Amino acid sequence: MRPLAPAAPAPALECRSLCKSYGARVVLQNLDFQLAAGEYVAIMGDSGVGKSSLLNLIAGLDKPDSGTLLIDGAEMSSLDDEAATLLRRQKLGFIFQAFHLLPHLTLIQNIALPLVLNQLPMTRAEQMLDAVGLTGRGDDFPRQLSGGELQRVAIARALVHQPRLILADEPTGNLDPDTAHEVLLLLKEEIRATGASAIIVTHSAAAAATADRTLLLSRTGLQAA
């Protein structure tokens, strides 16, 4: 008898017929999208088409008007606030254009925040600091870093708890081109090292070029760029 083939891993993310409006303004209409385990996708599009709104829906920070959104098989819209917060804390990592590091915490304390929230061992904080090229800087504060270094810390914080899905919203928007290139290569390298899936929302063709595939968001949905 031939042995059964191992089951394919569940998609990291599924959006089915996702709709979202703000008053009379339709932002997303019947959007279908699937992100495979370990896949890194860039989403581009004009301002105002709903890129950040889509990230907010995926993160559970906003709710769709209709449709289904599943992260690692869990339907976000069916979760209460406490369960959604727990899923977000355990399964997601966030990287923002403005870094959003806490200025009164040291670099190592900033990186360790997801570990503290998830009650995980603290050893990975030092490992991630080393991984992003900031060995020995753990006791420094954010005010002592350049923009590129701040984004490196933000990447370390997003990946330290080995989340299933990374969401990056214009992560190089505040960086010069050379620094942006270095940060993007680091981001891709660390995503691969941790086995995470990732979505980067960007206006930058150079940033999108680091992804496995690029999708264009418009009023009619997501299409290959």
C-alpha atoms as a PDB file:
ATOM      1  CA  MET A   1       0.000   0.000   0.000  1.00  0.00           C
ATOM      2  CA  ARG A   2       1.439   3.370  -1.026  1.00  0.00           C
ATOM      3  CA  PRO A   3       2.018   5.671   1.974  1.00  0.00           C
ATOM      4  CA  LEU A   4      -0.028   8.833   2.094  1.00  0.00           C
ATOM      5  CA  ALA A   5       1.759  11.999   1.047  1.00  0.00           C
ATOM      6  CA  PRO A   6       2.190  14.501   3.863  1.00  0.00           C
ATOM      7  CA  ALA A   7      -0.523  17.141   3.949  1.00  0.00           C
ATOM      8  CA  ALA A   8       0.425  20.536   2.573  1.00  0.00           C
ATOM      9  CA  PRO A   9       0.787  23.194   5.266  1.00  0.00           C
ATOM     10  CA  ALA A  10      -2.261  25.378   5.777  1.00  0.00           C
ATOM     11  CA  PRO A  11      -2.082  28.837   4.195  1.00  0.00           C
ATOM     12  CA  ALA A  12      -0.726  31.467   6.542  1.00  0.00           C
ATOM     13  CA  LEU A  13      -3.525  33.793   5.446  1.00  0.00           C
ATOM     14  CA  GLU A  14      -6.785  33.503   3.515  1.00  0.00           C
ATOM     15  CA  CYS A  15      -9.133  36.321   2.526  1.00  0.00           C
ATOM     16  CA  ARG A  16     -12.446  35.254   1.011  1.00  0.00           C
ATOM     17  CA  SER A  17     -14.862  37.793  -0.508  1.00  0.00           C
ATOM     18  CA  LEU A  18     -13.586  40.449   1.873  1.00  0.00           C
ATOM     19  CA  CYS A  19     -15.533  43.732   1.818  1.00  0.00           C
ATOM     20  CA  LYS A  20     -14.909  46.964   3.698  1.00  0.00           C
ATOM     21  CA  SER A  21     -16.482  50.407   3.396  1.00  0.00           C
ATOM     22  CA  TYR A  22     -16.202  53.611   5.380  1.00  0.00           C
ATOM     23  CA  GLY A  23     -19.537  55.346   4.980  1.00  0.00           C
ATOM     24  CA  ALA A  24     -20.233  55.671   1.261  1.00  0.00           C
ATOM     25  CA  ARG A  25     -16.590  54.982   0.330  1.00  0.00           C
ATOM     26  CA  VAL A  26     -15.987  51.385  -0.713  1.00  0.00           C
ATOM     27  CA  VAL A  27     -12.391  50.414   0.071  1.00  0.00           C
ATOM     28  CA  LEU A  28     -12.334  46.653  -0.506  1.00  0.00           C
ATOM     29  CA  GLN A  29     -14.922  44.711  -2.478  1.00  0.00           C
ATOM     30  CA  ASN A  30     -15.043  40.908  -2.672  1.00  0.00           C
ATOM     31  CA  LEU A  31     -11.295  40.606  -2.236  1.00  0.00           C
ATOM     32  CA  ASP A  32      -9.879  37.087  -2.471  1.00  0.00           C
ATOM     33  CA  PHE A  33      -6.288  36.432  -1.503  1.00  0.00           C
ATOM     34  CA  GLN A  34      -4.199  33.557  -0.180  1.00  0.00           C
ATOM     35  CA  LEU A  35      -0.705  33.691   1.263  1.00  0.00           C
ATOM     36  CA  ALA A  36       1.147  30.393   1.350  1.00  0.00           C
ATOM     37  CA  ALA A  37       3.223  29.272   4.303  1.00  0.00           C
ATOM     38  CA  GLY A  38       6.687  30.807   3.967  1.00  0.00           C
ATOM     39  CA  GLU A  39       5.682  33.161   1.145  1.00  0.00           C
ATOM     40  CA  TYR A  40       6.761  36.814   1.012  1.00  0.00           C
ATOM     41  CA  VAL A  41       4.414  39.080  -0.977  1.00  0.00           C
ATOM     42  CA  ALA A  42       4.554  42.785  -1.800  1.00  0.00           C
ATOM     43  CA  ILE A  43       1.331  44.763  -2.232  1.00  0.00           C
ATOM     44  CA  MET A  44       1.457  48.007  -4.202  1.00  0.00           C
ATOM     45  CA  GLY A  45      -1.209  50.449  -5.335  1.00  0.00           C
ATOM     46  CA  ASP A  46      -2.204  54.077  -5.470  1.00  0.00           C
ATOM     47  CA  SER A  47      -2.781  56.025  -2.278  1.00  0.00           C
ATOM     48  CA  GLY A  48      -6.271  55.526  -0.919  1.00  0.00           C
ATOM     49  CA  VAL A  49      -7.005  52.147  -2.532  1.00  0.00           C
ATOM     50  CA  GLY A  50      -7.042  50.370   0.826  1.00  0.00           C
ATOM     51  CA  LYS A  51      -3.555  48.934   1.376  1.00  0.00           C
ATOM     52  CA  SER A  52      -3.308  50.015   5.012  1.00  0.00           C
ATOM     53  CA  SER A  53      -6.976  49.155   5.554  1.00  0.00           C
ATOM     54  CA  LEU A  54      -6.228  45.622   4.371  1.00  0.00           C
ATOM     55  CA  LEU A  55      -3.351  45.330   6.848  1.00  0.00           C
ATOM     56  CA  ASN A  56      -5.614  46.578   9.646  1.00  0.00           C
ATOM     57  CA  LEU A  57      -8.205  43.932   8.769  1.00  0.00           C
ATOM     58  CA  ILE A  58      -5.589  41.180   8.668  1.00  0.00           C
ATOM     59  CA  ALA A  59      -4.268  42.316  12.045  1.00  0.00           C
ATOM     60  CA  GLY A  60      -7.745  42.308  13.554  1.00  0.00           C
ATOM     61  CA  LEU A  61      -7.517  46.022  14.330  1.00  0.00           C
ATOM     62  CA  ASP A  62     -10.620  46.570  12.195  1.00  0.00           C
ATOM     63  CA  LYS A  63     -13.440  44.263  11.140  1.00  0.00           C
ATOM     64  CA  PRO A  64     -14.643  43.587   7.585  1.00  0.00           C
ATOM     65  CA  ASP A  65     -18.220  44.375   6.626  1.00  0.00           C
ATOM     66  CA  SER A  66     -18.494  40.883   5.146  1.00  0.00           C
ATOM     67  CA  GLY A  67     -16.326  38.026   4.008  1.00  0.00           C
ATOM     68  CA  THR A  68     -13.938  35.704   5.804  1.00  0.00           C
ATOM     69  CA  LEU A  69     -10.379  36.267   6.982  1.00  0.00           C
ATOM     70  CA  LEU A  70      -8.368  33.364   8.378  1.00  0.00           C
ATOM     71  CA  ILE A  71      -4.916  33.458   9.932  1.00  0.00           C
ATOM     72  CA  ASP A  72      -3.328  30.046  10.364  1.00  0.00           C
ATOM     73  CA  GLY A  73      -6.820  28.567  10.037  1.00  0.00           C
ATOM     74  CA  ALA A  74      -8.427  30.815  12.684  1.00  0.00           C
ATOM     75  CA  GLU A  75     -11.229  33.107  11.498  1.00  0.00           C
ATOM     76  CA  MET A  76     -10.482  36.588  12.830  1.00  0.00           C
ATOM     77  CA  SER A  77     -14.027  37.925  12.556  1.00  0.00           C
ATOM     78  CA  SER A  78     -15.368  35.148  14.790  1.00  0.00           C
ATOM     79  CA  LEU A  79     -12.980  35.950  17.652  1.00  0.00           C
ATOM     80  CA  ASP A  80     -13.879  38.189  20.551  1.00  0.00           C
ATOM     81  CA  ASP A  81     -11.502  41.019  21.481  1.00  0.00           C
ATOM     82  CA  GLU A  82      -9.522  38.940  23.984  1.00  0.00           C
ATOM     83  CA  ALA A  83      -9.032  36.024  21.571  1.00  0.00           C
ATOM     84  CA  ALA A  84      -8.118  38.373  18.707  1.00  0.00           C
ATOM     85  CA  THR A  85      -5.539  40.097  20.917  1.00  0.00           C
ATOM     86  CA  LEU A  86      -4.037  36.733  21.872  1.00  0.00           C
ATOM     87  CA  LEU A  87      -3.841  35.595  18.242  1.00  0.00           C
ATOM     88  CA  ARG A  88      -2.285  38.912  17.205  1.00  0.00           C
ATOM     89  CA  ARG A  89       0.262  38.681  20.020  1.00  0.00           C
ATOM     90  CA  GLN A  90       1.270  35.096  19.221  1.00  0.00           C
ATOM     91  CA  LYS A  91       0.952  34.817  15.434  1.00  0.00           C
ATOM     92  CA  LEU A  92       1.750  38.285  14.060  1.00  0.00           C
ATOM     93  CA  GLY A  93       4.763  40.578  13.850  1.00  0.00           C
ATOM     94  CA  PHE A  94       4.509  44.239  12.795  1.00  0.00           C
ATOM     95  CA  ILE A  95       7.021  46.556  11.119  1.00  0.00           C
ATOM     96  CA  PHE A  96       6.050  50.202  10.593  1.00  0.00           C
ATOM     97  CA  GLN A  97       7.419  53.140   8.633  1.00  0.00           C
ATOM     98  CA  ALA A  98       7.791  55.178  11.840  1.00  0.00           C
ATOM     99  CA  PHE A  99       9.497  52.290  13.739  1.00  0.00           C
ATOM    100  CA  HIS A 100       7.312  52.706  16.871  1.00  0.00           C
ATOM    101  CA  LEU A 101      10.043  51.775  19.324  1.00  0.00           C
ATOM    102  CA  LEU A 102       9.454  52.780  22.940  1.00  0.00           C
ATOM    103  CA  PRO A 103      11.937  55.599  23.683  1.00  0.00           C
ATOM    104  CA  HIS A 104      12.228  54.907  27.431  1.00  0.00           C
ATOM    105  CA  LEU A 105      13.237  51.260  26.883  1.00  0.00           C
ATOM    106  CA  THR A 106      16.672  50.032  25.823  1.00  0.00           C
ATOM    107  CA  LEU A 107      17.081  48.243  22.495  1.00  0.00           C
ATOM    108  CA  ILE A 108      17.107  44.822  24.114  1.00  0.00           C
ATOM    109  CA  GLN A 109      13.998  45.693  26.124  1.00  0.00           C
ATOM    110  CA  ASN A 110      12.207  46.842  22.959  1.00  0.00           C
ATOM    111  CA  ILE A 111      13.121  43.635  21.145  1.00  0.00           C
ATOM    112  CA  ALA A 112      12.075  41.495  24.101  1.00  0.00           C
ATOM    113  CA  LEU A 113       8.553  42.940  24.396  1.00  0.00           C
ATOM    114  CA  PRO A 114       6.858  40.155  22.361  1.00  0.00           C
ATOM    115  CA  LEU A 115       8.710  37.566  24.443  1.00  0.00           C
ATOM    116  CA  VAL A 116       7.480  39.153  27.673  1.00  0.00           C
ATOM    117  CA  LEU A 117       3.893  39.338  26.386  1.00  0.00           C
ATOM    118  CA  ASN A 118       3.976  35.698  25.254  1.00  0.00           C
ATOM    119  CA  GLN A 119       5.859  34.484  28.355  1.00  0.00           C
ATOM    120  CA  LEU A 120       8.696  33.080  26.246  1.00  0.00           C
ATOM    121  CA  PRO A 121      12.393  32.677  27.141  1.00  0.00           C
ATOM    122  CA  MET A 122      14.372  35.884  26.806  1.00  0.00           C
ATOM    123  CA  THR A 123      17.409  34.334  25.107  1.00  0.00           C
ATOM    124  CA  ARG A 124      16.139  35.062  21.602  1.00  0.00           C
ATOM    125  CA  ALA A 125      16.272  38.813  22.224  1.00  0.00           C
ATOM    126  CA  GLU A 126      20.084  38.788  22.262  1.00  0.00           C
ATOM    127  CA  GLN A 127      20.138  36.389  19.306  1.00  0.00           C
ATOM    128  CA  MET A 128      17.971  38.734  17.246  1.00  0.00           C
ATOM    129  CA  LEU A 129      20.055  41.766  18.212  1.00  0.00           C
ATOM    130  CA  ASP A 130      23.085  39.905  16.849  1.00  0.00           C
ATOM    131  CA  ALA A 131      21.152  38.802  13.743  1.00  0.00           C
ATOM    132  CA  VAL A 132      20.346  42.385  12.741  1.00  0.00           C
ATOM    133  CA  GLY A 133      23.945  43.513  13.165  1.00  0.00           C
ATOM    134  CA  LEU A 134      23.677  45.372  16.462  1.00  0.00           C
ATOM    135  CA  THR A 135      25.764  43.151  18.710  1.00  0.00           C
ATOM    136  CA  GLY A 136      26.719  44.896  21.939  1.00  0.00           C
ATOM    137  CA  ARG A 137      24.170  47.700  21.524  1.00  0.00           C
ATOM    138  CA  GLY A 138      21.468  46.198  23.747  1.00  0.00           C
ATOM    139  CA  ASP A 139      21.797  48.816  26.488  1.00  0.00           C
ATOM    140  CA  ASP A 140      21.548  51.742  24.055  1.00  0.00           C
ATOM    141  CA  PHE A 141      18.328  53.707  23.692  1.00  0.00           C
ATOM    142  CA  PRO A 142      16.459  54.437  20.450  1.00  0.00           C
ATOM    143  CA  ARG A 143      17.591  58.100  20.496  1.00  0.00           C
ATOM    144  CA  GLN A 144      21.186  56.911  19.974  1.00  0.00           C
ATOM    145  CA  LEU A 145      20.424  55.141  16.668  1.00  0.00           C
ATOM    146  CA  SER A 146      20.174  56.168  13.024  1.00  0.00           C
ATOM    147  CA  GLY A 147      16.984  55.554  11.037  1.00  0.00           C
ATOM    148  CA  GLY A 148      18.383  52.394   9.492  1.00  0.00           C
ATOM    149  CA  GLU A 149      19.438  51.065  12.886  1.00  0.00           C
ATOM    150  CA  LEU A 150      16.013  51.828  14.338  1.00  0.00           C
ATOM    151  CA  GLN A 151      14.370  49.811  11.568  1.00  0.00           C
ATOM    152  CA  ARG A 152      16.783  46.935  12.251  1.00  0.00           C
ATOM    153  CA  VAL A 153      15.591  46.907  15.860  1.00  0.00           C
ATOM    154  CA  ALA A 154      11.981  47.008  14.664  1.00  0.00           C
ATOM    155  CA  ILE A 155      12.650  43.967  12.447  1.00  0.00           C
ATOM    156  CA  ALA A 156      14.235  42.127  15.368  1.00  0.00           C
ATOM    157  CA  ARG A 157      11.229  42.913  17.574  1.00  0.00           C
ATOM    158  CA  ALA A 158       8.774  41.749  14.898  1.00  0.00           C
ATOM    159  CA  LEU A 159      10.542  38.411  14.417  1.00  0.00           C
ATOM    160  CA  VAL A 160      11.810  37.599  17.904  1.00  0.00           C
ATOM    161  CA  HIS A 161       8.809  35.466  18.928  1.00  0.00           C
ATOM    162  CA  GLN A 162       8.847  33.583  15.600  1.00  0.00           C
ATOM    163  CA  PRO A 163       5.386  34.681  14.434  1.00  0.00           C
ATOM    164  CA  ARG A 164       3.500  32.960  11.643  1.00  0.00           C
ATOM    165  CA  LEU A 165       2.898  36.185   9.707  1.00  0.00           C
ATOM    166  CA  ILE A 166       4.842  39.452   9.343  1.00  0.00           C
ATOM    167  CA  LEU A 167       3.013  42.634   8.295  1.00  0.00           C
ATOM    168  CA  ALA A 168       5.217  45.506   7.108  1.00  0.00           C
ATOM    169  CA  ASP A 169       3.640  48.881   6.282  1.00  0.00           C
ATOM    170  CA  GLU A 170       6.020  51.057   4.203  1.00  0.00           C
ATOM    171  CA  PRO A 171       8.999  49.860   6.288  1.00  0.00           C
ATOM    172  CA  THR A 172      11.571  51.820   4.247  1.00  0.00           C
ATOM    173  CA  GLY A 173       9.563  55.007   3.749  1.00  0.00           C
ATOM    174  CA  ASN A 174      11.763  57.005   6.139  1.00  0.00           C
ATOM    175  CA  LEU A 175      15.103  55.641   4.891  1.00  0.00           C
ATOM    176  CA  ASP A 176      17.517  56.765   2.208  1.00  0.00           C
ATOM    177  CA  PRO A 177      17.849  54.377  -0.778  1.00  0.00           C
ATOM    178  CA  ASP A 178      21.111  52.720   0.314  1.00  0.00           C
ATOM    179  CA  THR A 179      19.909  52.143   3.875  1.00  0.00           C
ATOM    180  CA  ALA A 180      16.527  50.957   2.574  1.00  0.00           C
ATOM    181  CA  HIS A 181      18.286  48.381   0.385  1.00  0.00           C
ATOM    182  CA  GLU A 182      20.275  47.049   3.347  1.00  0.00           C
ATOM    183  CA  VAL A 183      17.181  46.865   5.556  1.00  0.00           C
ATOM    184  CA  LEU A 184      15.132  45.072   2.877  1.00  0.00           C
ATOM    185  CA  LEU A 185      17.816  42.442   2.350  1.00  0.00           C
ATOM    186  CA  LEU A 186      18.015  41.926   6.109  1.00  0.00           C
ATOM    187  CA  LEU A 187      14.227  41.650   6.366  1.00  0.00           C
ATOM    188  CA  LYS A 188      14.074  39.000   3.652  1.00  0.00           C
ATOM    189  CA  GLU A 189      16.989  37.095   5.164  1.00  0.00           C
ATOM    190  CA  GLU A 190      15.432  37.016   8.617  1.00  0.00           C
ATOM    191  CA  ILE A 191      11.988  36.087   7.270  1.00  0.00           C
ATOM    192  CA  ARG A 192      13.584  33.116   5.532  1.00  0.00           C
ATOM    193  CA  ALA A 193      15.549  32.178   8.653  1.00  0.00           C
ATOM    194  CA  THR A 194      12.430  32.095  10.845  1.00  0.00           C
ATOM    195  CA  GLY A 195      10.132  30.460   8.249  1.00  0.00           C
ATOM    196  CA  ALA A 196       7.569  33.258   8.526  1.00  0.00           C
ATOM    197  CA  SER A 197       5.185  34.414   5.814  1.00  0.00           C
ATOM    198  CA  ALA A 198       5.177  38.138   5.110  1.00  0.00           C
ATOM    199  CA  ILE A 199       3.261  40.964   3.455  1.00  0.00           C
ATOM    200  CA  ILE A 200       4.985  44.250   2.697  1.00  0.00           C
ATOM    201  CA  VAL A 201       2.822  47.209   1.684  1.00  0.00           C
ATOM    202  CA  THR A 202       4.942  49.671  -0.251  1.00  0.00           C
ATOM    203  CA  HIS A 203       5.076  52.378  -2.920  1.00  0.00           C
ATOM    204  CA  SER A 204       8.669  51.415  -3.680  1.00  0.00           C
ATOM    205  CA  ALA A 205       9.385  49.220  -6.700  1.00  0.00           C
ATOM    206  CA  ALA A 206      12.794  48.441  -5.182  1.00  0.00           C
ATOM    207  CA  ALA A 207      11.150  47.193  -1.993  1.00  0.00           C
ATOM    208  CA  ALA A 208       8.603  45.141  -3.923  1.00  0.00           C
ATOM    209  CA  ALA A 209      11.396  43.540  -5.952  1.00  0.00           C
ATOM    210  CA  THR A 210      12.661  41.745  -2.829  1.00  0.00           C
ATOM    211  CA  ALA A 211       9.390  39.788  -2.497  1.00  0.00           C
ATOM    212  CA  ASP A 212       8.514  36.430  -4.056  1.00  0.00           C
ATOM    213  CA  ARG A 213       5.698  38.089  -5.979  1.00  0.00           C
ATOM    214  CA  THR A 214       4.113  41.517  -6.262  1.00  0.00           C
ATOM    215  CA  LEU A 215       0.396  42.228  -6.313  1.00  0.00           C
ATOM    216  CA  LEU A 216      -1.345  45.437  -7.302  1.00  0.00           C
ATOM    217  CA  LEU A 217      -4.342  46.500  -5.222  1.00  0.00           C
ATOM    218  CA  SER A 218      -6.993  48.479  -7.081  1.00  0.00           C
ATOM    219  CA  ARG A 219     -10.738  49.029  -6.829  1.00  0.00           C
ATOM    220  CA  THR A 220     -11.262  45.716  -8.612  1.00  0.00           C
ATOM    221  CA  GLY A 221      -9.128  43.669  -6.203  1.00  0.00           C
ATOM    222  CA  LEU A 222      -5.620  42.199  -6.182  1.00  0.00           C
ATOM    223  CA  GLN A 223      -3.897  41.297  -9.433  1.00  0.00           C
ATOM    224  CA  ALA A 224      -0.365  40.279 -10.317  1.00  0.00           C
ATOM    225  CA  ALA A 225       1.731  43.372 -10.988  1.00  0.00           C
END
